[in-house]
Every structure is written in C-alpha cells, then in structure tokens.
Protein backbone atom coordinates (compact mmCIF):
# COMPACT_ATOMS: atom_id res chain seq x y z
CA MET A 1 2.02 14.67 -13.01
CA SER A 2 4.12 12.47 -15.64
CA GLU A 3 7.03 11.78 -13.27
CA ILE A 4 4.81 9.78 -10.83
CA VAL A 5 3.97 7.60 -13.70
CA VAL A 6 7.17 5.95 -13.58
CA SER A 7 8.18 5.73 -10.07
CA GLY A 8 4.98 6.32 -7.96
CA LEU A 9 6.65 8.72 -5.88
CA LEU A 10 6.49 12.64 -5.87
CA ALA A 11 9.23 14.99 -4.29
CA PRO A 12 7.84 17.57 -1.79
CA ASP A 13 9.03 20.58 -4.18
CA ALA A 14 7.14 19.09 -7.40
CA LEU A 15 4.30 19.05 -4.92
CA LEU A 16 4.66 22.36 -3.84
CA ALA A 17 4.65 23.75 -7.54
CA GLN A 18 1.36 21.94 -7.68
CA LEU A 19 -0.44 23.20 -4.73
CA GLY A 20 -3.48 25.04 -5.66
CA ASP A 21 -4.25 22.91 -8.72
CA ASP A 22 -7.96 21.97 -9.74
CA ASN A 23 -7.35 18.30 -10.22
CA LEU A 24 -5.05 17.98 -7.30
CA VAL A 25 -6.04 15.94 -4.18
CA ILE A 26 -3.73 15.40 -1.07
CA LEU A 27 -4.77 12.65 1.26
CA ASP A 28 -3.04 12.82 4.60
CA ILE A 29 -3.35 9.62 6.08
CA ARG A 30 -1.22 9.42 9.32
CA SER A 31 -2.75 7.50 11.85
CA ALA A 32 -2.65 7.39 15.58
CA ILE A 33 -0.22 4.79 15.65
CA ASP A 34 2.17 6.38 12.88
CA GLY A 35 2.27 10.34 12.93
CA GLY A 36 -0.06 11.64 15.75
CA GLY A 37 -3.37 10.64 13.75
CA ARG A 38 -5.99 13.47 13.22
CA ALA A 39 -4.62 15.75 15.94
CA ALA A 40 -1.48 16.15 14.27
CA TYR A 41 -3.18 16.51 10.97
CA GLU A 42 -5.36 19.67 12.54
CA ALA A 43 -2.24 20.58 14.24
CA GLY A 44 -0.75 20.87 10.71
CA HIS A 45 -0.80 19.81 7.26
CA ILE A 46 -0.08 20.40 4.00
CA PRO A 47 -2.54 23.24 2.34
CA GLY A 48 -5.44 21.56 0.80
CA ALA A 49 -4.93 18.18 2.16
CA VAL A 50 -7.77 16.20 3.43
CA HIS A 51 -7.50 13.57 6.35
CA THR A 52 -8.43 10.13 5.66
CA ASP A 53 -8.22 7.33 8.41
CA TYR A 54 -6.89 4.15 7.08
CA VAL A 55 -8.77 1.79 9.64
CA VAL A 56 -11.89 4.24 10.52
CA ASP A 57 -12.40 4.90 6.66
CA GLY A 58 -12.31 1.48 5.76
CA TRP A 59 -9.92 0.95 3.15
CA ARG A 60 -9.67 -2.70 4.37
CA ALA A 61 -12.42 -4.82 5.19
CA THR A 62 -12.92 -7.62 7.32
CA ILE A 63 -14.63 -10.71 5.45
CA GLY A 64 -15.14 -14.04 7.42
CA ASN A 65 -11.54 -13.76 9.49
CA ALA A 66 -9.54 -12.07 7.23
CA PRO A 67 -8.97 -8.59 8.23
CA GLY A 68 -7.28 -7.03 5.12
CA MET A 69 -9.37 -7.41 2.32
CA LEU A 70 -10.63 -5.36 -0.68
CA PRO A 71 -13.69 -3.66 0.31
CA PRO A 72 -17.00 -4.13 -1.67
CA LEU A 73 -16.50 -1.89 -4.72
CA ASP A 74 -19.74 0.21 -3.86
CA HIS A 75 -17.78 1.24 -0.20
CA LEU A 76 -14.80 2.12 -2.14
CA SER A 77 -17.05 4.18 -5.05
CA ALA A 78 -18.77 6.04 -1.94
CA LEU A 79 -15.61 6.49 0.04
CA VAL A 80 -12.91 7.97 -2.97
CA GLY A 81 -15.66 9.83 -4.11
CA ARG A 82 -16.47 11.08 -0.53
CA LEU A 83 -13.03 12.67 -0.57
CA GLY A 84 -13.61 14.45 -3.58
CA ILE A 85 -11.71 12.05 -6.10
CA LYS A 86 -12.53 12.44 -10.01
CA PRO A 87 -11.18 9.95 -12.50
CA HIS A 88 -8.72 12.53 -13.93
CA ASP A 89 -7.42 14.17 -10.71
CA ASP A 90 -3.96 13.88 -9.50
CA VAL A 91 -4.27 12.38 -6.02
CA VAL A 92 -0.99 12.46 -3.58
CA ILE A 93 -0.91 10.15 -0.67
CA VAL A 94 0.84 11.79 2.13
CA PRO A 95 2.12 9.04 4.62
CA ALA A 96 3.93 10.73 8.45
CA GLY A 97 7.02 9.47 6.68
CA VAL A 98 8.41 7.46 9.97
CA SER A 99 8.47 4.19 9.70
CA ALA A 100 8.04 0.97 6.90
CA THR A 101 4.26 0.40 7.85
CA ASP A 102 3.28 3.74 7.90
CA PHE A 103 4.54 3.71 3.96
CA ALA A 104 2.99 0.24 3.73
CA ALA A 105 -0.34 2.34 4.32
CA ALA A 106 0.23 4.55 1.62
CA ALA A 107 1.21 1.86 -0.53
CA ARG A 108 -1.90 -0.11 0.00
CA ILE A 109 -4.01 3.18 -0.40
CA TYR A 110 -2.45 3.85 -3.80
CA TRP A 111 -2.91 0.05 -5.01
CA THR A 112 -6.51 0.39 -4.13
CA LEU A 113 -6.80 3.57 -6.25
CA LYS A 114 -4.84 1.97 -8.90
CA THR A 115 -7.12 -1.00 -8.83
CA ILE A 116 -10.56 0.30 -8.95
CA GLY A 117 -9.01 2.32 -12.15
CA HIS A 118 -7.64 5.68 -11.04
CA GLY A 119 -4.57 6.28 -13.55
CA GLN A 120 -2.61 9.26 -11.45
CA GLN A 121 -1.84 8.48 -8.12
CA ALA A 122 1.87 9.28 -6.10
CA ILE A 123 3.09 8.84 -2.97
CA LEU A 124 4.71 11.96 -1.41
CA ASP A 125 8.51 11.08 -1.12
CA GLY A 126 9.40 11.33 2.52
CA GLY A 127 6.00 11.76 3.87
CA PHE A 128 4.82 14.46 5.89
CA ARG A 129 8.13 14.63 7.73
CA ALA A 130 10.14 15.58 4.56
CA TRP A 131 7.49 18.32 3.84
CA ALA A 132 7.87 19.67 7.13
CA GLU A 133 11.68 19.71 7.39
CA GLY A 134 11.76 21.43 4.35
CA SER A 135 9.81 24.91 5.71
CA ARG A 136 7.18 24.62 3.05
CA PRO A 137 3.97 26.07 3.91
CA VAL A 138 1.69 24.14 6.65
CA GLU A 139 -1.99 24.82 7.59
CA THR A 140 -3.98 24.22 10.49
CA GLY A 141 -7.48 23.11 11.11
CA THR A 142 -9.20 21.01 8.77
CA SER A 143 -9.84 21.21 4.90
CA ALA A 144 -13.08 19.68 3.46
CA PRO A 145 -12.88 17.63 0.97
CA LYS A 146 -14.27 18.97 -2.37
CA GLY A 147 -17.48 16.77 -2.78
CA ALA A 148 -17.71 14.28 -5.71
CA ASP A 149 -20.08 11.89 -6.97
CA PRO A 150 -19.16 8.30 -6.15
CA TYR A 151 -16.31 7.17 -8.37
CA PRO A 152 -17.00 5.20 -11.30
CA VAL A 153 -14.74 1.94 -10.48
CA VAL A 154 -13.35 0.14 -13.22
CA MET A 155 -11.82 -3.04 -11.97
CA GLN A 156 -8.23 -3.81 -12.66
CA GLN A 157 -8.30 -7.56 -11.66
CA ARG A 158 -4.81 -7.97 -12.82
CA LEU A 159 -3.70 -6.03 -9.74
CA ARG A 160 -5.22 -8.50 -7.10
CA SER A 161 -4.37 -12.22 -6.79
CA THR A 162 -7.33 -13.96 -4.58
CA ALA A 163 -6.62 -17.25 -2.93
CA ASP A 164 -7.63 -19.47 -5.97
CA ALA A 165 -5.20 -17.42 -8.38
CA THR A 166 -2.66 -17.66 -6.08
CA LEU A 167 -3.04 -21.41 -5.01
CA ILE A 168 -2.68 -22.13 -8.89
CA ALA A 169 0.33 -19.97 -8.95
CA SER A 170 1.70 -21.83 -6.05
CA ARG A 171 1.44 -24.95 -7.57
CA SER A 172 2.23 -24.33 -11.26
CA LYS A 173 5.23 -22.09 -9.99
CA PHE A 174 3.29 -19.76 -12.84
CA ALA A 175 4.57 -16.77 -10.56
CA THR A 176 6.89 -15.90 -7.84
CA LEU A 177 4.84 -15.54 -4.31
CA VAL A 178 7.01 -13.03 -2.37
CA ASP A 179 6.42 -13.12 1.29
CA ALA A 180 6.62 -9.49 3.03
CA ARG A 181 7.11 -10.67 6.56
CA SER A 182 9.80 -11.35 8.88
CA ALA A 183 11.36 -14.54 9.17
CA SER A 184 9.90 -16.00 12.43
CA TYR A 185 6.24 -15.35 10.18
CA PHE A 186 7.73 -17.28 7.36
CA ASP A 187 9.41 -19.93 9.32
CA GLY A 188 6.01 -20.72 11.18
CA GLN A 189 7.30 -19.54 14.67
CA GLU A 190 4.41 -17.06 15.05
CA LYS A 191 1.76 -16.05 13.14
CA ALA A 192 -1.00 -13.43 13.01
CA PRO A 193 -4.12 -13.86 15.55
CA GLU A 194 -6.39 -14.46 12.35
CA ALA A 195 -4.19 -16.84 10.88
CA ALA A 196 -5.49 -20.32 11.25
CA ARG A 197 -2.00 -22.04 10.58
CA ALA A 198 1.72 -20.78 11.16
CA GLY A 199 3.93 -20.91 7.97
CA HIS A 200 4.02 -19.85 4.19
CA ILE A 201 2.30 -20.47 1.06
CA PRO A 202 4.70 -23.03 -0.55
CA GLY A 203 7.11 -22.05 -2.96
CA ALA A 204 7.27 -18.89 -1.43
CA VAL A 205 10.56 -16.45 -1.09
CA SER A 206 10.87 -14.17 1.90
CA HIS A 207 11.48 -10.74 1.86
CA ASP A 208 10.85 -8.71 4.78
CA TYR A 209 9.28 -5.68 3.80
CA THR A 210 11.27 -3.26 6.50
CA GLN A 211 14.61 -4.03 3.81
CA ALA A 212 13.23 -1.51 1.44
CA PHE A 213 12.85 1.41 3.94
CA ASP A 214 15.28 3.55 5.41
CA PRO A 215 14.02 5.10 8.99
CA ALA A 216 16.97 7.75 9.29
CA THR A 217 15.13 9.24 5.84
CA GLY A 218 11.45 8.37 6.31
CA ARG A 219 12.06 7.07 2.83
CA LEU A 220 12.32 3.83 0.43
CA LYS A 221 15.96 3.32 -0.06
CA PRO A 222 17.83 4.24 -3.58
CA ARG A 223 16.20 2.74 -6.63
CA ASP A 224 19.71 0.95 -7.23
CA GLU A 225 19.79 -0.50 -3.73
CA LEU A 226 15.83 -1.36 -3.91
CA ALA A 227 17.02 -3.26 -7.56
CA LYS A 228 19.82 -5.03 -5.84
CA LEU A 229 17.01 -5.78 -2.45
CA PHE A 230 14.50 -7.30 -5.01
CA GLY A 231 17.06 -8.98 -7.40
CA ALA A 232 16.65 -12.33 -5.82
CA VAL A 233 13.20 -12.24 -6.85
CA PRO A 234 13.17 -14.19 -10.13
CA LYS A 235 11.73 -12.49 -13.24
CA GLY A 236 8.35 -13.07 -14.63
CA PRO A 237 4.83 -12.65 -12.78
CA ALA A 238 4.92 -12.12 -8.81
CA ILE A 239 2.39 -12.46 -5.85
CA SER A 240 3.31 -10.21 -2.94
CA TYR A 241 1.39 -11.33 0.29
CA CYS A 242 1.90 -11.07 4.25
CA ASN A 243 -0.57 -11.39 6.92
CA THR A 244 -3.29 -8.95 5.88
CA GLY A 245 -1.87 -7.71 2.58
CA HIS A 246 -0.63 -4.23 4.23
CA THR A 247 2.95 -4.78 4.44
CA ALA A 248 2.80 -6.77 0.96
CA ALA A 249 1.84 -3.46 -0.18
CA LEU A 250 5.32 -1.79 0.17
CA ASN A 251 7.07 -4.67 -1.56
CA TRP A 252 4.04 -4.41 -4.47
CA PHE A 253 4.61 -1.05 -4.66
CA VAL A 254 8.67 -1.14 -5.26
CA MET A 255 8.49 -4.16 -7.61
CA SER A 256 5.70 -2.89 -9.54
CA GLU A 257 5.85 1.16 -9.41
CA VAL A 258 9.54 2.00 -8.44
CA LEU A 259 11.46 -1.20 -10.66
CA GLY A 260 8.70 -1.03 -13.09
CA ARG A 261 8.16 -4.94 -13.09
CA ASP A 262 5.45 -6.28 -15.17
CA GLU A 263 2.57 -8.53 -13.79
CA VAL A 264 2.77 -7.68 -10.13
CA ALA A 265 -0.07 -8.62 -7.71
CA LEU A 266 -1.17 -8.28 -4.33
CA TYR A 267 -3.04 -11.20 -2.76
CA ASP A 268 -5.05 -8.65 -0.42
CA GLY A 269 -6.55 -11.67 1.90
CA SER A 270 -2.92 -12.94 2.58
CA MET A 271 -2.39 -15.79 5.25
CA THR A 272 -5.38 -14.72 7.06
CA ASP A 273 -7.33 -15.60 4.00
CA TRP A 274 -5.29 -18.28 3.07
CA THR A 275 -5.12 -20.32 6.37
CA GLN A 276 -9.08 -20.33 6.52
CA ASP A 277 -9.31 -23.56 4.35
CA PRO A 278 -7.51 -26.19 5.71
CA ASP A 279 -7.01 -27.43 2.18
CA ARG A 280 -4.48 -24.78 1.15
CA PRO A 281 -1.07 -26.06 2.08
CA VAL A 282 1.09 -24.17 4.48
CA ALA A 283 5.01 -24.61 4.70
CA THR A 284 7.37 -24.14 7.85
CA ASN A 285 10.89 -23.91 8.55
CA ALA A 286 10.72 -25.23 11.92
CA CYS A 287 13.27 -26.92 13.40
C-alpha cells in the first residue's frame, strides 16, 4: 500500500483491488451523527470491514475536564488489538464521506494509530459514500474482527503536543499554532462547554478546518487547492489545535500527510485542556 505513505488517502478502486488480503484491516467508523452509525454499517458495508465507534470504543478519553485527550496507552493497545490490527497490517479507515467533522474523526483515528507506532494506515478517499456510488461490492450484517494480541505500542511523541510544549511554542514562536475552529471561537465570542475561558492561544493563526473539505464530493479539496489554503501557515514546525483535538486532526492530516510538511503535531487536549490552568494565557479579538 505504498501510495498511502505519501498522501494518507486511498482511492476506492485501490482498496477494491486489495479486498481479501490477509494483512488488510478495514475500519468502518460511521457514527450516529454522521452516516447512520452501526445500523447503517449492518445495512451495508465494505466486505470484511469491522465497525468501531469513535465515542463508545474510547478513541479519545476525558481526563479532568478535557474530553479529547489521548487515552492511556494500555487502553489503546487493547482496543487496536481487539480490532484485529497487527504491526504490519494495512489499515484503511472508512468515514461516511458526508461532512468535515466526519472526516476529522477518521483523521483523529489515523493520527492515533500513527502516534502509537503503526506505520501503514490510510483514509478511504470519499468514505463509504464514494465506495457505494461506484457500485462496488457491499455486504450486510457484521464482520467479526480477526482478533489479535494487544498492540505493541511504540509511542511517537513528536506527533503529539502537550500543554507544556504548546506553551513553550506560544512563547518562543518555535512552532506556528494553527487554530482549526471557526472565527467565533477564535475571537472569543463563544467557547466549548468544557473550556474554562473563551479565546485562542496567543500567537495562533486561525484556519477553519471546514475550508479543506468539499461537502459536494465528500472529499478533501484537491491538493493544489489545499496547498493554497494552507500557504498562509509559515514554514517550519506547526501545532494544530481546536477545542478537543477532533477538528484539529483534519488540519493536522492535511498539513502532515497530504502536503507532506515536517514537524506537524496535534495538541489533543486543545482549548478544553489549555484553559484548565488559569496561568496559561488566552487571547481574544473581542470588539
């Protein structure tokens, strides 16, 4: 699956050619919010795909008042193993293909797998929507995971930014902080319920994650358009954040995997974690 190393995306026909491979694991992540959830999966899914619920299965953890943190590594080890993923498997993540937030969930799972040391994963370009539109094979019911031992986690800390590392970056300007939220959150006009304060991390640039997604096609925008969109982000290290590390995963995916930028990290705690400490500064653009 060499083509996924460059862009992180896999075309439906490329996946079709791999169906039945012993080292292929397909994760259908359709949720109740986007794509109908498990009921939609059971009504029709890519042959051999197993369903995993982004919320119920615990791809993110609530630590303190921050609901989007990277879960404990023993939990992730058990979860990934339970889904039948082994270190040398090719993993294809299948979102619904209906919204930017749906793609962001796929990107967050992709980032999590990469962060625990897995080397071969891709997001199905266009999600299940693109697969179904091409009259490709679909099966009903459920597919049982192959089952595997707990995954041998090898943490890739360079992909994750903590509150302390983000604070250093904010003060030193060593890395560009990229805020994936809409302008109303960035400016401080509204905030997530779990966040203690409204606003953004000082020095951050605003880059609404929805700009990268085309709802008409269910796909990310073409690479040249993405390069223009993210051209305003200065070269060098970058840290992507949002409210809970969910939508920021889409910006991380575009910068790191599609555009191939080096030293791009995701701050999984984001503003809900950042604002728990009153000593961490918050800026606003309030009138």
